[in-house]
Amino acid sequence: MHAALTSLDDHVRLTVRLTPNGGRDAIDGFECAADGEEYLRVRVRAVPEKGKANQALIALLAKQFGIAKTRISFVSGDTQRKKILRIDADPEDVIKRLAAIVSQAE
């Protein structure tokens, strides 16, 4: 399991680095920052104005995980590039789906 992903009893916490105006909506895989912290790289076409990029991020992840958008919320970073998300879903299912998505992206 990746350090960007924390599995808890009933949900998962996911660290994401979001790139707005990214040209397309895509999950680009895991990456390690210079400080050693790992995150999931995601890009969206939406602009970073009035929460549009955050809405696009939630919509993309909800579609990829096959869950409702309301089951994904921000723990921190809603106005920053680095975000921590709470995904209210079965942790094992989220981990399996994310592994499949990342393997396709790489």
C-alpha atoms as a PDB file:
ATOM      1  CA  MET A   1       0.000   0.000   0.000  1.00  0.00           C
ATOM      2  CA  HIS A   2       1.152   3.533  -0.711  1.00  0.00           C
ATOM      3  CA  ALA A   3       1.896   6.133   1.956  1.00  0.00           C
ATOM      4  CA  ALA A   4      -0.597   8.487   0.266  1.00  0.00           C
ATOM      5  CA  LEU A   5      -3.362   6.089   1.249  1.00  0.00           C
ATOM      6  CA  THR A   6      -4.418   5.515   4.857  1.00  0.00           C
ATOM      7  CA  SER A   7      -6.936   2.768   5.482  1.00  0.00           C
ATOM      8  CA  LEU A   8      -9.169   3.205   8.522  1.00  0.00           C
ATOM      9  CA  ASP A   9     -12.113   1.127   9.758  1.00  0.00           C
ATOM     10  CA  ASP A  10     -14.860   2.593   7.593  1.00  0.00           C
ATOM     11  CA  HIS A  11     -13.081   5.014   5.250  1.00  0.00           C
ATOM     12  CA  VAL A  12      -9.845   5.858   3.477  1.00  0.00           C
ATOM     13  CA  ARG A  13      -7.767   9.020   3.604  1.00  0.00           C
ATOM     14  CA  LEU A  14      -6.048   9.898   0.361  1.00  0.00           C
ATOM     15  CA  THR A  15      -3.398  12.577  -0.181  1.00  0.00           C
ATOM     16  CA  VAL A  16      -3.737  14.179  -3.617  1.00  0.00           C
ATOM     17  CA  ARG A  17      -1.762  16.774  -5.535  1.00  0.00           C
ATOM     18  CA  LEU A  18      -4.217  18.447  -7.887  1.00  0.00           C
ATOM     19  CA  THR A  19      -3.242  20.229 -11.093  1.00  0.00           C
ATOM     20  CA  PRO A  20      -6.066  22.425 -12.382  1.00  0.00           C
ATOM     21  CA  ASN A  21      -6.086  23.467 -16.073  1.00  0.00           C
ATOM     22  CA  GLY A  22      -4.382  20.129 -16.718  1.00  0.00           C
ATOM     23  CA  GLY A  23      -5.715  19.703 -20.252  1.00  0.00           C
ATOM     24  CA  ARG A  24      -7.688  16.560 -19.374  1.00  0.00           C
ATOM     25  CA  ASP A  25      -9.219  14.816 -16.392  1.00  0.00           C
ATOM     26  CA  ALA A  26      -6.835  12.032 -15.377  1.00  0.00           C
ATOM     27  CA  ILE A  27      -5.181  10.185 -12.525  1.00  0.00           C
ATOM     28  CA  ASP A  28      -1.456  10.152 -13.287  1.00  0.00           C
ATOM     29  CA  GLY A  29      -0.226   7.823 -10.545  1.00  0.00           C
ATOM     30  CA  PHE A  30       1.675   8.100  -7.289  1.00  0.00           C
ATOM     31  CA  GLU A  31       4.640  10.415  -6.844  1.00  0.00           C
ATOM     32  CA  CYS A  32       7.021  11.278  -4.036  1.00  0.00           C
ATOM     33  CA  ALA A  33       7.670  14.940  -3.187  1.00  0.00           C
ATOM     34  CA  ALA A  34      11.098  16.367  -2.379  1.00  0.00           C
ATOM     35  CA  ASP A  35      10.282  16.178   1.334  1.00  0.00           C
ATOM     36  CA  GLY A  36       9.577  12.439   1.004  1.00  0.00           C
ATOM     37  CA  GLU A  37       5.800  12.706   1.253  1.00  0.00           C
ATOM     38  CA  GLU A  38       3.865  10.601  -1.223  1.00  0.00           C
ATOM     39  CA  TYR A  39       0.704  11.697  -3.013  1.00  0.00           C
ATOM     40  CA  LEU A  40      -1.576  10.767  -5.892  1.00  0.00           C
ATOM     41  CA  ARG A  41      -1.141  13.073  -8.896  1.00  0.00           C
ATOM     42  CA  VAL A  42      -4.458  14.109 -10.434  1.00  0.00           C
ATOM     43  CA  ARG A  43      -5.163  16.651 -13.150  1.00  0.00           C
ATOM     44  CA  VAL A  44      -8.452  18.221 -14.171  1.00  0.00           C
ATOM     45  CA  ARG A  45      -9.521  20.526 -16.989  1.00  0.00           C
ATOM     46  CA  ALA A  46     -11.413  22.828 -14.630  1.00  0.00           C
ATOM     47  CA  VAL A  47     -10.015  26.164 -13.513  1.00  0.00           C
ATOM     48  CA  PRO A  48      -9.126  26.816  -9.870  1.00  0.00           C
ATOM     49  CA  GLU A  49     -11.907  29.373  -9.396  1.00  0.00           C
ATOM     50  CA  LYS A  50     -14.906  29.136  -7.073  1.00  0.00           C
ATOM     51  CA  GLY A  51     -14.187  25.494  -6.257  1.00  0.00           C
ATOM     52  CA  LYS A  52     -14.569  24.259  -9.849  1.00  0.00           C
ATOM     53  CA  ALA A  53     -11.320  22.272  -9.793  1.00  0.00           C
ATOM     54  CA  ASN A  54     -12.255  20.677  -6.452  1.00  0.00           C
ATOM     55  CA  GLN A  55     -15.680  19.699  -7.811  1.00  0.00           C
ATOM     56  CA  ALA A  56     -14.016  18.184 -10.875  1.00  0.00           C
ATOM     57  CA  LEU A  57     -11.599  16.242  -8.635  1.00  0.00           C
ATOM     58  CA  ILE A  58     -14.438  14.787  -6.572  1.00  0.00           C
ATOM     59  CA  ALA A  59     -16.441  13.932  -9.705  1.00  0.00           C
ATOM     60  CA  LEU A  60     -13.439  12.183 -11.285  1.00  0.00           C
ATOM     61  CA  LEU A  61     -12.611  10.148  -8.185  1.00  0.00           C
ATOM     62  CA  ALA A  62     -16.259   9.236  -7.532  1.00  0.00           C
ATOM     63  CA  LYS A  63     -16.600   7.974 -11.106  1.00  0.00           C
ATOM     64  CA  GLN A  64     -13.357   5.988 -10.912  1.00  0.00           C
ATOM     65  CA  PHE A  65     -14.277   4.408  -7.557  1.00  0.00           C
ATOM     66  CA  GLY A  66     -17.910   3.815  -8.510  1.00  0.00           C
ATOM     67  CA  ILE A  67     -19.295   5.717  -5.525  1.00  0.00           C
ATOM     68  CA  ALA A  68     -21.490   8.790  -5.001  1.00  0.00           C
ATOM     69  CA  LYS A  69     -19.775  12.186  -4.990  1.00  0.00           C
ATOM     70  CA  THR A  70     -21.221  12.854  -1.534  1.00  0.00           C
ATOM     71  CA  ARG A  71     -19.044  10.054  -0.129  1.00  0.00           C
ATOM     72  CA  ILE A  72     -15.867  12.061  -0.833  1.00  0.00           C
ATOM     73  CA  SER A  73     -15.039  15.091   1.313  1.00  0.00           C
ATOM     74  CA  PHE A  74     -12.070  17.322   2.085  1.00  0.00           C
ATOM     75  CA  VAL A  75     -10.187  16.843   5.334  1.00  0.00           C
ATOM     76  CA  SER A  76      -7.761  19.652   4.462  1.00  0.00           C
ATOM     77  CA  GLY A  77      -6.328  21.607   1.571  1.00  0.00           C
ATOM     78  CA  ASP A  78      -9.461  22.704  -0.235  1.00  0.00           C
ATOM     79  CA  THR A  79      -7.652  25.905  -1.369  1.00  0.00           C
ATOM     80  CA  GLN A  80      -4.218  24.332  -1.902  1.00  0.00           C
ATOM     81  CA  ARG A  81      -2.706  21.973  -4.465  1.00  0.00           C
ATOM     82  CA  LYS A  82      -2.081  19.289  -1.855  1.00  0.00           C
ATOM     83  CA  LYS A  83      -5.335  17.943  -0.471  1.00  0.00           C
ATOM     84  CA  ILE A  84      -6.329  15.234   1.956  1.00  0.00           C
ATOM     85  CA  LEU A  85      -9.601  13.558   1.095  1.00  0.00           C
ATOM     86  CA  ARG A  86     -11.872  11.293   3.104  1.00  0.00           C
ATOM     87  CA  ILE A  87     -13.487   8.562   1.027  1.00  0.00           C
ATOM     88  CA  ASP A  88     -16.396   6.894   2.817  1.00  0.00           C
ATOM     89  CA  ALA A  89     -16.277   3.464   1.230  1.00  0.00           C
ATOM     90  CA  ASP A  90     -14.956  -0.008   1.925  1.00  0.00           C
ATOM     91  CA  PRO A  91     -11.173   0.502   2.286  1.00  0.00           C
ATOM     92  CA  GLU A  92     -10.282  -2.776   0.543  1.00  0.00           C
ATOM     93  CA  ASP A  93     -12.466  -1.904  -2.440  1.00  0.00           C
ATOM     94  CA  VAL A  94     -10.953   1.586  -2.743  1.00  0.00           C
ATOM     95  CA  ILE A  95      -7.412   0.196  -2.552  1.00  0.00           C
ATOM     96  CA  LYS A  96      -8.129  -2.424  -5.248  1.00  0.00           C
ATOM     97  CA  ARG A  97      -9.770   0.085  -7.588  1.00  0.00           C
ATOM     98  CA  LEU A  98      -6.996   2.628  -7.092  1.00  0.00           C
ATOM     99  CA  ALA A  99      -4.326   0.005  -7.791  1.00  0.00           C
ATOM    100  CA  ALA A 100      -6.092  -0.892 -11.049  1.00  0.00           C
ATOM    101  CA  ILE A 101      -6.452   2.772 -12.068  1.00  0.00           C
ATOM    102  CA  VAL A 102      -2.793   3.584 -11.334  1.00  0.00           C
ATOM    103  CA  SER A 103      -1.527   0.492 -13.179  1.00  0.00           C
ATOM    104  CA  GLN A 104      -3.445   1.639 -16.281  1.00  0.00           C
ATOM    105  CA  ALA A 105      -2.038   5.167 -15.975  1.00  0.00           C
ATOM    106  CA  GLU A 106       1.593   4.047 -15.829  1.00  0.00           C
END
